[in-house]
Amino acid sequence: TPTSQSPAYTALAGTLAALAGAATIIVLFGWHVVPPHNQHWILSGMIGPDPVQYWLGWNFFREAPWSWPPGLNPRYGMELASSIFYADSIPLLAFLFKAIQPLWEVPQYWGIWLLACGALQAWLGWRLVGLATSDPIARLAGALLFVIQPMMLNRLGGHFALGAHWLLLWGLLLALTPGGRWRVPGWALLVLAASLIHSYLLPMVLAFWTADLWRRRGAGWWLVAEIVLVPGVGLVGLWAAGFFVLDTGFAGTRERFGEMQMDLLAPVNATVWGWLLPALPDTGHVEVNGSYAGLGALILSGFALFVRPVRKHWPLVVVLGVMLAFAITHRPSFAGHQVTLLPVPDRLVEMASALRASERFYWPMAYALMVAGAVGLVRLAGPPLAGLIMAALVVVQVVDLQPGFRRLASYFPPDAPQMAAQLQHPFWLAAAGEYGAIRAVPAANQGPYWEPIAVFAAQRRMVTDAVYLARSDEAAKERLRAEILSRLAEGRPEPGTLYVLRDAESLAAARAGQRAGRDALFFLDGIHVLAPDWADTR
């Protein structure tokens, strides 16, 4: 049982843990990612297209007037536009920095976000280890183990919003600690934050709340009020961020539920992250790097075997088991070999495919095992020795994860140049002065040339339908394709709109409807372009 300490000491120790978490991020990612006006590391293309998507979502959003709901983002996508939520641009921060934009203009806030995630992860890890011991070495070492692990770092290496694993630690802390008058407001605040950060983290947080509600077994109108309030603020957050602007398309167009499941060996599969344990066969999907917590964290988790859950924590154990089952799915995999345990109706698979990357639902179990492991270690060894052992586990963790650290460094080199602009011909700059919109035909989500077109449009304050969104409306795309193709073929281009022609059918339609002496067709930088009324404007 941890001993009580003075509030001043507790505040200082917690602050030091948070600073250690932030310092870890700076060491691994570099200080150069933090300054808001330093954008080259996002636009370098070295991390893939996702960071460019986030940057585009934010930069179009901050140029648009406030709307209702406030998360609408009409400049990014035009008829295909949805909201800041589907650009994965962390609506919580987008709202904040758009609101203070008259005072402080922030071109990118993801470096600040990385620092905040490291600090909050460490502080909440420190709080969780404090449930087992007040030993300062054990608590600081435990905090570092919660930060120096691939489950979070893998996400901060490109999927920035998903790196908010501190939301899970916050939920776990609330589910493990006694209730109080601030319990319900605390859950409401946590659920609201999760709804404004990422849709995968929200159901995990709600699962922790369900376990806590079950444990407390409240009654009367207070229970009814909590059941209405906590999910209700989550719905309000989703509404504000623009989640409900789509009526369809939540399942995406790629993998389905059961195709991105957690392999049963994933927690001990070092993959590209560790070198003290071997890489094991896996299913090969894009989530296979997401469940290894590092050898030091795994050893700590092993001490959970010496902890027997008390009765009050059985609801949490059940909820963690349900999330683990969801991660494994109805098609479990062992060393890459998959079997279908039971048939699931297509309708249910379609619904579950909104959370198709189900391997992520192992994260709550992994963190709970680390907390239980800290409790077991303290019980076995006593606080002073447990602290030294946990410090040694931090060393093991750092040694094991050297390949992963090198991988992160390659993603965020301080001297990475901004991705060379594909649209280099002088025509583009001249056209930006004449046109207010640039279309990519046919309409598509992440279609050919979407990235250079959208970046160019954002930098020149044009609107565009060249987009990459987390989810999109297929019916809207089909309608837009038909409408624009008809306009081009009939010689009815929209005033002030430039057209990038991405396939043979669009090019043929533009040629058929080209108005002699008014419209110009170019082939520039490997791209066909229709410039309506170019002869008049020039």
Protein backbone atom coordinates (compact mmCIF):
# COMPACT_ATOMS: atom_id res chain seq x y z
CA THR A 1 0.00 0.00 0.00
CA PRO A 2 1.52 3.34 -0.97
CA THR A 3 2.24 5.76 1.86
CA SER A 4 0.75 9.25 1.90
CA GLN A 5 2.95 12.14 0.85
CA SER A 6 2.62 15.90 1.04
CA PRO A 7 0.69 17.60 -1.77
CA ALA A 8 3.74 19.68 -2.68
CA TYR A 9 5.95 16.61 -3.01
CA THR A 10 3.29 14.79 -5.02
CA ALA A 11 2.87 17.75 -7.40
CA LEU A 12 6.62 18.09 -7.88
CA ALA A 13 7.13 14.38 -8.50
CA GLY A 14 4.23 14.26 -10.96
CA THR A 15 5.61 17.29 -12.80
CA LEU A 16 9.03 15.65 -13.05
CA ALA A 17 7.40 12.52 -14.50
CA ALA A 18 5.55 14.62 -17.10
CA LEU A 19 8.77 16.45 -18.00
CA ALA A 20 10.53 13.10 -18.37
CA GLY A 21 7.79 12.00 -20.78
CA ALA A 22 8.10 15.18 -22.83
CA ALA A 23 11.89 14.87 -22.84
CA THR A 24 11.56 11.32 -24.16
CA ILE A 25 9.54 12.61 -27.10
CA ILE A 26 12.14 15.28 -27.85
CA VAL A 27 14.95 12.71 -27.76
CA LEU A 28 13.11 10.31 -30.07
CA PHE A 29 11.50 12.76 -32.49
CA GLY A 30 13.70 15.84 -32.23
CA TRP A 31 12.95 19.39 -31.12
CA HIS A 32 12.56 20.48 -34.73
CA VAL A 33 9.03 19.01 -34.90
CA VAL A 34 7.75 21.30 -32.13
CA PRO A 35 7.86 24.90 -33.52
CA PRO A 36 4.48 25.53 -35.20
CA HIS A 37 6.02 27.30 -38.21
CA ASN A 38 8.30 24.36 -38.97
CA GLN A 39 6.22 22.34 -41.44
CA HIS A 40 8.80 20.64 -43.64
CA TRP A 41 8.84 17.42 -41.59
CA ILE A 42 5.11 16.97 -42.21
CA LEU A 43 5.27 17.76 -45.92
CA SER A 44 8.48 15.81 -46.59
CA GLY A 45 6.51 12.72 -47.61
CA MET A 46 8.87 10.54 -45.56
CA ILE A 47 6.09 9.45 -43.19
CA GLY A 48 3.60 8.69 -45.95
CA PRO A 49 0.44 10.55 -46.96
CA ASP A 50 -1.34 10.64 -43.59
CA PRO A 51 0.49 13.64 -42.06
CA VAL A 52 -0.12 15.56 -45.29
CA GLN A 53 -3.81 14.72 -44.91
CA TYR A 54 -3.84 16.12 -41.36
CA TRP A 55 -2.02 19.29 -42.44
CA LEU A 56 -4.43 19.80 -45.33
CA GLY A 57 -7.49 19.27 -43.15
CA TRP A 58 -6.29 21.86 -40.66
CA ASN A 59 -5.11 24.44 -43.20
CA PHE A 60 -8.37 24.36 -45.14
CA PHE A 61 -10.36 24.39 -41.90
CA ARG A 62 -8.63 27.44 -40.47
CA GLU A 63 -9.37 29.40 -43.66
CA ALA A 64 -13.10 28.59 -43.54
CA PRO A 65 -15.57 30.67 -41.52
CA TRP A 66 -17.08 29.09 -38.41
CA SER A 67 -20.09 26.94 -39.21
CA TRP A 68 -22.75 24.85 -37.47
CA PRO A 69 -21.69 22.27 -36.47
CA PRO A 70 -18.29 23.93 -35.97
CA GLY A 71 -16.33 21.02 -37.44
CA LEU A 72 -17.57 21.42 -41.03
CA ASN A 73 -14.72 21.83 -43.51
CA PRO A 74 -16.32 22.87 -46.84
CA ARG A 75 -13.15 24.15 -48.54
CA TYR A 76 -11.49 20.73 -48.42
CA GLY A 77 -13.47 18.59 -50.82
CA MET A 78 -16.21 20.93 -52.09
CA GLU A 79 -19.13 18.54 -52.77
CA LEU A 80 -17.08 15.72 -51.21
CA ALA A 81 -16.27 17.81 -48.15
CA SER A 82 -17.26 16.57 -44.74
CA SER A 83 -15.56 17.78 -41.57
CA ILE A 84 -12.34 18.18 -39.65
CA PHE A 85 -13.17 14.84 -37.98
CA TYR A 86 -12.68 12.87 -41.20
CA ALA A 87 -9.40 14.59 -41.97
CA ASP A 88 -8.04 13.08 -38.71
CA SER A 89 -6.79 16.54 -37.77
CA ILE A 90 -7.59 16.24 -34.02
CA PRO A 91 -10.74 18.39 -33.76
CA LEU A 92 -9.94 19.26 -30.13
CA LEU A 93 -6.82 21.16 -31.20
CA ALA A 94 -8.31 22.40 -34.46
CA PHE A 95 -11.10 24.16 -32.53
CA LEU A 96 -8.64 25.62 -30.03
CA PHE A 97 -6.14 26.98 -32.53
CA LYS A 98 -8.81 28.27 -34.90
CA ALA A 99 -10.41 30.15 -32.02
CA ILE A 100 -7.14 31.83 -31.01
CA GLN A 101 -5.97 32.37 -34.58
CA PRO A 102 -6.37 36.17 -34.37
CA LEU A 103 -3.85 36.11 -31.50
CA TRP A 104 -1.55 33.27 -32.58
CA GLU A 105 -1.41 31.73 -36.04
CA VAL A 106 -0.39 28.08 -35.92
CA PRO A 107 0.40 26.42 -39.29
CA GLN A 108 0.93 23.03 -37.60
CA TYR A 109 0.24 21.86 -34.05
CA TRP A 110 1.35 18.22 -34.24
CA GLY A 111 4.74 18.83 -32.66
CA ILE A 112 2.99 20.37 -29.65
CA TRP A 113 0.65 17.39 -29.67
CA LEU A 114 3.53 14.88 -29.60
CA LEU A 115 5.00 16.65 -26.58
CA ALA A 116 1.64 16.72 -24.81
CA CYS A 117 1.06 13.01 -25.45
CA GLY A 118 4.45 12.13 -23.98
CA ALA A 119 3.92 14.32 -20.91
CA LEU A 120 0.37 13.11 -20.21
CA GLN A 121 1.28 9.47 -20.82
CA ALA A 122 4.13 9.70 -18.32
CA TRP A 123 2.11 11.59 -15.71
CA LEU A 124 -0.81 9.16 -15.86
CA GLY A 125 1.60 6.21 -15.86
CA TRP A 126 3.15 7.71 -12.73
CA ARG A 127 -0.31 7.97 -11.19
CA LEU A 128 -1.14 4.36 -12.05
CA VAL A 129 2.09 2.95 -10.61
CA GLY A 130 1.34 5.07 -7.55
CA LEU A 131 -1.63 2.78 -6.89
CA ALA A 132 0.95 0.11 -6.02
CA THR A 133 3.75 2.06 -4.37
CA SER A 134 4.88 5.52 -3.37
CA ASP A 135 8.53 4.67 -4.07
CA PRO A 136 9.80 7.52 -6.31
CA ILE A 137 12.16 5.34 -8.35
CA ALA A 138 9.47 2.77 -9.06
CA ARG A 139 6.95 5.45 -10.05
CA LEU A 140 9.34 7.30 -12.35
CA ALA A 141 10.61 4.10 -13.95
CA GLY A 142 7.04 2.92 -14.42
CA ALA A 143 6.10 6.24 -16.01
CA LEU A 144 8.96 5.87 -18.50
CA LEU A 145 7.89 2.32 -19.36
CA PHE A 146 4.47 3.67 -20.28
CA VAL A 147 6.08 6.19 -22.64
CA ILE A 148 8.99 4.20 -24.11
CA GLN A 149 6.89 1.53 -25.76
CA PRO A 150 5.90 0.89 -29.37
CA MET A 151 2.15 0.77 -28.92
CA MET A 152 2.12 4.53 -28.49
CA LEU A 153 5.33 5.50 -30.32
CA ASN A 154 4.24 3.57 -33.42
CA ARG A 155 1.16 5.80 -33.62
CA LEU A 156 2.98 9.02 -32.85
CA GLY A 157 5.21 8.11 -35.80
CA GLY A 158 2.46 8.98 -38.27
CA HIS A 159 -1.04 8.42 -36.87
CA PHE A 160 -0.81 11.37 -34.51
CA ALA A 161 -4.36 11.37 -33.10
CA LEU A 162 -4.15 7.66 -32.30
CA GLY A 163 -1.10 8.39 -30.17
CA ALA A 164 -3.37 9.75 -27.42
CA HIS A 165 -2.95 6.60 -25.34
CA TRP A 166 -3.10 8.81 -22.26
CA LEU A 167 -6.87 8.72 -22.75
CA LEU A 168 -6.71 4.97 -22.07
CA LEU A 169 -4.52 5.46 -18.99
CA TRP A 170 -6.93 8.12 -17.72
CA GLY A 171 -9.85 5.73 -18.17
CA LEU A 172 -7.95 2.91 -16.49
CA LEU A 173 -7.10 5.18 -13.56
CA LEU A 174 -10.73 6.17 -13.07
CA ALA A 175 -11.81 2.54 -13.30
CA LEU A 176 -9.32 1.47 -10.62
CA THR A 177 -9.78 4.23 -8.05
CA PRO A 178 -12.59 4.90 -5.57
CA GLY A 179 -15.44 7.14 -6.56
CA GLY A 180 -15.96 10.70 -5.41
CA ARG A 181 -17.97 13.77 -6.19
CA TRP A 182 -15.76 14.52 -9.22
CA ARG A 183 -16.10 10.98 -10.63
CA VAL A 184 -18.95 11.66 -13.05
CA PRO A 185 -17.58 15.04 -14.28
CA GLY A 186 -14.22 13.32 -14.74
CA TRP A 187 -15.76 10.64 -16.94
CA ALA A 188 -17.74 13.24 -18.88
CA LEU A 189 -14.59 15.28 -19.54
CA LEU A 190 -12.65 12.19 -20.61
CA VAL A 191 -15.38 11.00 -22.99
CA LEU A 192 -15.71 14.49 -24.47
CA ALA A 193 -11.95 14.66 -25.06
CA ALA A 194 -11.91 11.21 -26.69
CA SER A 195 -14.80 12.16 -28.99
CA LEU A 196 -12.78 15.18 -30.17
CA ILE A 197 -9.57 13.22 -30.73
CA HIS A 198 -10.18 9.85 -32.41
CA SER A 199 -13.09 7.49 -33.01
CA TYR A 200 -11.12 4.32 -32.12
CA LEU A 201 -10.17 5.61 -28.68
CA LEU A 202 -13.72 6.69 -27.81
CA PRO A 203 -15.27 3.18 -27.53
CA MET A 204 -12.29 2.01 -25.45
CA VAL A 205 -12.84 4.90 -23.04
CA LEU A 206 -16.57 4.16 -22.92
CA ALA A 207 -15.75 0.53 -22.12
CA PHE A 208 -13.69 1.64 -19.11
CA TRP A 209 -16.60 3.84 -17.99
CA THR A 210 -18.98 0.88 -18.33
CA ALA A 211 -16.72 -1.20 -16.09
CA ASP A 212 -16.59 1.56 -13.49
CA LEU A 213 -20.35 2.07 -13.61
CA TRP A 214 -20.84 -1.67 -13.14
CA ARG A 215 -18.39 -1.71 -10.23
CA ARG A 216 -20.11 1.17 -8.42
CA ARG A 217 -23.60 -0.23 -9.04
CA GLY A 218 -25.31 3.07 -8.46
CA ALA A 219 -29.05 3.46 -8.16
CA GLY A 220 -31.71 6.11 -8.43
CA TRP A 221 -31.76 9.25 -10.48
CA TRP A 222 -27.99 9.77 -10.09
CA LEU A 223 -27.42 6.59 -12.07
CA VAL A 224 -29.89 7.67 -14.75
CA ALA A 225 -28.27 11.09 -14.93
CA GLU A 226 -24.81 9.56 -15.37
CA ILE A 227 -25.99 7.13 -18.06
CA VAL A 228 -27.47 10.07 -19.95
CA LEU A 229 -24.65 12.56 -19.32
CA VAL A 230 -21.49 10.59 -20.05
CA PRO A 231 -22.43 9.09 -23.45
CA GLY A 232 -24.35 12.28 -24.18
CA VAL A 233 -21.28 14.50 -24.01
CA GLY A 234 -19.56 12.04 -26.33
CA LEU A 235 -22.37 12.45 -28.84
CA VAL A 236 -22.13 16.23 -28.50
CA GLY A 237 -18.39 16.06 -29.17
CA LEU A 238 -18.91 13.87 -32.23
CA TRP A 239 -21.61 16.22 -33.50
CA ALA A 240 -19.41 19.29 -33.01
CA ALA A 241 -16.48 17.63 -34.80
CA GLY A 242 -18.72 16.74 -37.76
CA PHE A 243 -18.96 12.97 -37.33
CA PHE A 244 -22.64 12.88 -38.28
CA VAL A 245 -22.32 14.77 -41.57
CA LEU A 246 -21.86 11.40 -43.31
CA ASP A 247 -24.84 9.12 -43.72
CA THR A 248 -22.84 6.21 -45.13
CA GLY A 249 -19.30 5.05 -45.79
CA PHE A 250 -18.34 4.37 -42.17
CA ALA A 251 -17.01 0.91 -43.00
CA GLY A 252 -14.53 2.30 -45.53
CA THR A 253 -13.67 0.69 -48.85
CA ARG A 254 -10.69 -1.48 -47.92
CA GLU A 255 -10.31 -4.23 -45.29
CA ARG A 256 -13.32 -5.48 -43.37
CA PHE A 257 -13.71 -6.55 -39.77
CA GLY A 258 -11.79 -9.78 -39.21
CA GLU A 259 -9.06 -8.91 -41.71
CA MET A 260 -6.99 -6.66 -39.42
CA GLN A 261 -7.22 -8.78 -36.29
CA MET A 262 -4.65 -9.32 -33.56
CA ASP A 263 -2.50 -12.39 -34.08
CA LEU A 264 -2.27 -14.40 -30.86
CA LEU A 265 1.52 -13.98 -30.93
CA ALA A 266 1.37 -10.23 -31.58
CA PRO A 267 2.14 -9.16 -27.98
CA VAL A 268 5.51 -11.00 -28.12
CA ASN A 269 6.24 -10.34 -31.79
CA ALA A 270 8.98 -7.70 -31.89
CA THR A 271 8.45 -7.11 -35.65
CA VAL A 272 10.45 -4.02 -36.66
CA TRP A 273 10.65 -2.63 -33.13
CA GLY A 274 12.78 -4.93 -31.00
CA TRP A 275 15.89 -7.04 -31.40
CA LEU A 276 16.05 -9.02 -28.14
CA LEU A 277 13.04 -11.08 -29.24
CA PRO A 278 12.69 -12.51 -32.75
CA ALA A 279 10.26 -11.32 -35.38
CA LEU A 280 7.54 -13.94 -35.79
CA PRO A 281 5.25 -14.82 -38.69
CA ASP A 282 2.16 -12.64 -38.83
CA THR A 283 -0.86 -11.87 -40.96
CA GLY A 284 0.90 -9.11 -42.89
CA HIS A 285 -1.76 -6.42 -42.48
CA VAL A 286 -0.80 -2.83 -41.67
CA GLU A 287 -1.57 -3.13 -37.94
CA VAL A 288 0.90 -5.92 -37.14
CA ASN A 289 3.41 -3.51 -35.54
CA GLY A 290 0.89 -2.21 -33.04
CA SER A 291 0.76 -4.71 -30.16
CA TYR A 292 4.37 -5.18 -29.06
CA ALA A 293 5.03 -3.24 -25.86
CA GLY A 294 8.79 -3.88 -25.59
CA LEU A 295 10.66 -6.54 -23.62
CA GLY A 296 10.93 -4.47 -20.44
CA ALA A 297 7.18 -3.82 -20.41
CA LEU A 298 6.50 -7.49 -21.16
CA ILE A 299 8.63 -8.61 -18.21
CA LEU A 300 6.81 -6.15 -15.96
CA SER A 301 3.46 -7.46 -17.24
CA GLY A 302 4.54 -10.97 -16.33
CA PHE A 303 4.37 -10.09 -12.64
CA ALA A 304 0.60 -9.72 -13.11
CA LEU A 305 0.51 -13.49 -12.62
CA PHE A 306 1.05 -12.83 -8.92
CA VAL A 307 -2.03 -10.61 -8.65
CA ARG A 308 -5.50 -11.97 -8.13
CA PRO A 309 -8.21 -9.47 -9.06
CA VAL A 310 -10.34 -8.50 -6.11
CA ARG A 311 -14.08 -8.72 -6.46
CA LYS A 312 -14.56 -5.01 -7.14
CA HIS A 313 -12.32 -5.18 -10.21
CA TRP A 314 -14.05 -8.13 -11.89
CA PRO A 315 -16.19 -5.80 -14.05
CA LEU A 316 -12.98 -4.28 -15.41
CA VAL A 317 -11.56 -7.74 -16.10
CA VAL A 318 -14.71 -8.69 -18.02
CA VAL A 319 -14.67 -5.49 -20.09
CA LEU A 320 -10.98 -5.95 -20.89
CA GLY A 321 -11.75 -9.52 -21.99
CA VAL A 322 -14.51 -8.30 -24.30
CA MET A 323 -12.17 -5.77 -25.92
CA LEU A 324 -9.51 -8.47 -26.30
CA ALA A 325 -12.04 -10.75 -27.99
CA PHE A 326 -12.96 -7.90 -30.35
CA ALA A 327 -9.26 -7.47 -31.16
CA ILE A 328 -8.90 -11.17 -31.99
CA THR A 329 -12.26 -11.23 -33.90
CA HIS A 330 -14.13 -14.26 -35.14
CA ARG A 331 -11.15 -15.08 -37.38
CA PRO A 332 -8.28 -15.65 -34.91
CA SER A 333 -4.76 -15.91 -36.20
CA PHE A 334 -1.74 -17.74 -34.79
CA ALA A 335 1.64 -17.02 -36.38
CA GLY A 336 -0.16 -15.77 -39.48
CA HIS A 337 -2.42 -18.82 -39.85
CA GLN A 338 -6.06 -17.78 -39.72
CA VAL A 339 -9.18 -19.80 -38.99
CA THR A 340 -12.83 -18.79 -38.91
CA LEU A 341 -14.30 -19.88 -35.59
CA LEU A 342 -17.87 -18.97 -36.37
CA PRO A 343 -19.73 -17.37 -39.25
CA VAL A 344 -20.85 -13.80 -38.67
CA PRO A 345 -23.68 -12.29 -40.74
CA ASP A 346 -22.49 -9.83 -43.36
CA ARG A 347 -24.63 -7.12 -41.82
CA LEU A 348 -22.76 -7.42 -38.50
CA VAL A 349 -19.41 -7.56 -40.25
CA GLU A 350 -20.33 -4.39 -42.16
CA MET A 351 -21.24 -2.62 -38.93
CA ALA A 352 -18.10 -3.78 -37.12
CA SER A 353 -15.99 -2.69 -40.09
CA ALA A 354 -16.33 0.89 -38.88
CA LEU A 355 -13.67 -0.31 -36.40
CA ARG A 356 -12.02 -2.72 -38.81
CA ALA A 357 -8.50 -2.22 -37.36
CA SER A 358 -9.61 -4.28 -34.39
CA GLU A 359 -6.07 -5.18 -33.24
CA ARG A 360 -6.00 -1.77 -31.57
CA PHE A 361 -8.47 -3.02 -28.97
CA TYR A 362 -5.65 -4.99 -27.37
CA TRP A 363 -4.11 -1.77 -26.04
CA PRO A 364 -6.35 -1.48 -22.94
CA MET A 365 -5.46 -5.03 -21.91
CA ALA A 366 -1.75 -4.36 -22.43
CA TYR A 367 -1.81 -1.29 -20.20
CA ALA A 368 -3.89 -3.04 -17.55
CA LEU A 369 -1.35 -5.88 -17.47
CA MET A 370 1.47 -3.36 -16.96
CA VAL A 371 -0.37 -1.84 -14.00
CA ALA A 372 -1.13 -5.27 -12.56
CA GLY A 373 2.51 -6.23 -13.12
CA ALA A 374 3.67 -3.21 -11.10
CA VAL A 375 1.37 -4.30 -8.26
CA GLY A 376 2.67 -7.88 -8.41
CA LEU A 377 6.30 -6.79 -8.48
CA VAL A 378 5.87 -4.53 -5.44
CA ARG A 379 4.16 -7.32 -3.54
CA LEU A 380 6.93 -9.79 -4.33
CA ALA A 381 10.00 -7.61 -3.90
CA GLY A 382 8.91 -4.72 -1.70
CA PRO A 383 9.00 -1.05 -2.74
CA PRO A 384 12.77 -0.27 -2.70
CA LEU A 385 13.83 -3.38 -4.60
CA ALA A 386 10.83 -3.13 -6.93
CA GLY A 387 11.94 0.37 -7.88
CA LEU A 388 15.43 -0.84 -8.77
CA ILE A 389 14.01 -3.73 -10.79
CA MET A 390 11.71 -1.38 -12.70
CA ALA A 391 14.63 0.94 -13.40
CA ALA A 392 16.51 -2.06 -14.79
CA LEU A 393 13.47 -2.88 -16.95
CA VAL A 394 13.64 0.64 -18.42
CA VAL A 395 17.23 -0.14 -19.49
CA VAL A 396 16.08 -3.45 -21.00
CA GLN A 397 13.29 -1.59 -22.81
CA VAL A 398 15.66 1.00 -24.28
CA VAL A 399 18.16 -1.64 -25.42
CA ASP A 400 15.43 -3.79 -26.96
CA LEU A 401 13.81 -0.96 -28.91
CA GLN A 402 16.90 0.37 -30.68
CA PRO A 403 15.67 -0.77 -34.14
CA GLY A 404 12.37 1.01 -33.53
CA PHE A 405 14.12 4.18 -32.38
CA ARG A 406 16.22 4.22 -35.55
CA ARG A 407 13.06 3.76 -37.58
CA LEU A 408 11.46 6.78 -35.89
CA ALA A 409 14.57 8.86 -36.50
CA SER A 410 14.38 8.06 -40.22
CA TYR A 411 10.81 9.39 -40.29
CA PHE A 412 11.66 12.71 -38.66
CA PRO A 413 15.15 13.81 -39.81
CA PRO A 414 15.80 17.45 -38.86
CA ASP A 415 17.13 18.25 -42.31
CA ALA A 416 14.34 16.59 -44.30
CA PRO A 417 13.45 18.83 -47.25
CA GLN A 418 9.84 19.64 -48.00
CA MET A 419 8.50 17.31 -50.66
CA ALA A 420 9.34 18.69 -54.08
CA ALA A 421 6.31 20.28 -55.71
CA GLN A 422 5.07 18.23 -58.64
CA LEU A 423 3.28 21.26 -60.07
CA GLN A 424 6.36 23.22 -61.14
CA HIS A 425 5.39 24.72 -64.50
CA PRO A 426 4.87 28.53 -64.39
CA PHE A 427 1.31 27.96 -65.56
CA TRP A 428 0.21 26.83 -62.10
CA LEU A 429 1.19 30.05 -60.36
CA ALA A 430 -0.43 32.08 -63.11
CA ALA A 431 -3.60 29.98 -62.87
CA ALA A 432 -3.78 30.44 -59.10
CA GLY A 433 -4.29 34.15 -59.73
CA GLU A 434 -7.19 33.50 -62.09
CA TYR A 435 -9.06 30.56 -60.58
CA GLY A 436 -10.52 30.08 -57.10
CA ALA A 437 -11.11 26.32 -57.35
CA ILE A 438 -9.28 23.30 -58.73
CA ARG A 439 -11.10 20.07 -59.45
CA ALA A 440 -9.63 16.59 -59.91
CA VAL A 441 -11.68 14.61 -62.42
CA PRO A 442 -13.06 12.02 -61.89
CA ALA A 443 -13.84 12.68 -58.24
CA ALA A 444 -12.22 10.21 -55.87
CA ASN A 445 -10.94 9.83 -52.33
CA GLN A 446 -7.13 9.67 -52.54
CA GLY A 447 -7.21 9.53 -56.33
CA PRO A 448 -4.25 10.18 -58.65
CA TYR A 449 -2.37 13.46 -58.01
CA TRP A 450 -4.57 14.25 -54.98
CA GLU A 451 -1.59 15.25 -52.85
CA PRO A 452 0.18 17.82 -55.07
CA ILE A 453 -3.16 19.31 -56.15
CA ALA A 454 -4.48 19.66 -52.59
CA VAL A 455 -1.20 21.04 -51.20
CA PHE A 456 -1.04 23.56 -54.06
CA ALA A 457 -4.65 24.59 -53.45
CA ALA A 458 -4.07 25.02 -49.71
CA GLN A 459 -0.95 27.10 -50.22
CA ARG A 460 -2.77 29.33 -52.77
CA ARG A 461 -6.00 29.51 -50.75
CA MET A 462 -8.04 27.78 -53.44
CA VAL A 463 -10.78 25.24 -52.77
CA THR A 464 -10.47 21.73 -54.17
CA ASP A 465 -12.15 18.35 -54.40
CA ALA A 466 -8.79 16.53 -54.51
CA VAL A 467 -8.99 14.95 -51.08
CA TYR A 468 -7.86 12.18 -48.77
CA LEU A 469 -10.42 11.57 -46.04
CA ALA A 470 -10.67 8.81 -43.44
CA ARG A 471 -14.22 8.03 -44.59
CA SER A 472 -16.21 9.33 -47.56
CA ASP A 473 -19.61 9.03 -49.22
CA GLU A 474 -19.38 6.77 -52.28
CA ALA A 475 -22.77 7.91 -53.59
CA ALA A 476 -21.68 11.55 -53.44
CA LYS A 477 -18.58 10.71 -55.45
CA GLU A 478 -20.63 8.95 -58.11
CA ARG A 479 -23.02 11.88 -58.41
CA LEU A 480 -20.17 14.35 -58.70
CA ARG A 481 -18.39 12.24 -61.32
CA ALA A 482 -21.50 12.13 -63.48
CA GLU A 483 -22.21 15.85 -63.11
CA ILE A 484 -18.67 17.04 -63.91
CA LEU A 485 -18.29 14.63 -66.82
CA SER A 486 -21.54 15.94 -68.27
CA ARG A 487 -20.42 19.57 -67.81
CA LEU A 488 -17.12 18.94 -69.54
CA ALA A 489 -18.65 17.04 -72.45
CA GLU A 490 -21.31 19.71 -73.00
CA GLY A 491 -18.93 22.67 -72.75
CA ARG A 492 -20.39 23.98 -69.48
CA PRO A 493 -17.37 24.31 -67.16
CA GLU A 494 -17.89 26.13 -63.89
CA PRO A 495 -16.63 29.72 -63.85
CA GLY A 496 -13.37 30.21 -62.00
CA THR A 497 -12.62 26.49 -61.85
CA LEU A 498 -9.52 24.67 -63.13
CA TYR A 499 -9.84 20.98 -64.05
CA VAL A 500 -7.16 18.31 -63.64
CA LEU A 501 -8.09 15.37 -65.88
CA ARG A 502 -7.08 12.09 -64.28
CA ASP A 503 -8.25 9.50 -66.79
CA ALA A 504 -8.90 8.99 -70.51
CA GLU A 505 -12.68 9.39 -70.20
CA SER A 506 -12.36 12.81 -68.55
CA LEU A 507 -9.81 13.94 -71.13
CA ALA A 508 -12.07 12.83 -73.97
CA ALA A 509 -15.04 14.70 -72.44
CA ALA A 510 -12.97 17.87 -72.05
CA ARG A 511 -11.82 17.67 -75.68
CA ALA A 512 -15.39 17.12 -76.87
CA GLY A 513 -16.70 20.14 -74.99
CA GLN A 514 -13.73 22.46 -75.40
CA ARG A 515 -14.91 25.90 -76.53
CA ALA A 516 -12.78 27.22 -79.37
CA GLY A 517 -10.96 30.41 -78.55
CA ARG A 518 -11.98 30.26 -74.89
CA ASP A 519 -10.77 27.07 -73.23
CA ALA A 520 -7.20 25.78 -73.19
CA LEU A 521 -6.04 22.17 -72.79
CA PHE A 522 -2.50 21.66 -71.49
CA PHE A 523 -0.26 18.73 -70.63
CA LEU A 524 1.98 20.01 -67.87
CA ASP A 525 4.16 18.17 -65.34
CA GLY A 526 2.67 14.88 -66.54
CA ILE A 527 -0.90 16.08 -65.95
CA HIS A 528 -3.70 17.00 -68.37
CA VAL A 529 -5.37 20.31 -67.46
CA LEU A 530 -8.45 22.11 -68.75
CA ALA A 531 -8.33 25.89 -68.19
CA PRO A 532 -11.76 27.36 -69.03
CA ASP A 533 -11.79 30.91 -70.43
CA TRP A 534 -7.99 30.92 -70.34
CA ALA A 535 -7.84 32.88 -73.59
CA ASP A 536 -10.05 35.59 -72.08
CA THR A 537 -8.14 35.83 -68.80
CA ARG A 538 -4.77 35.92 -70.54
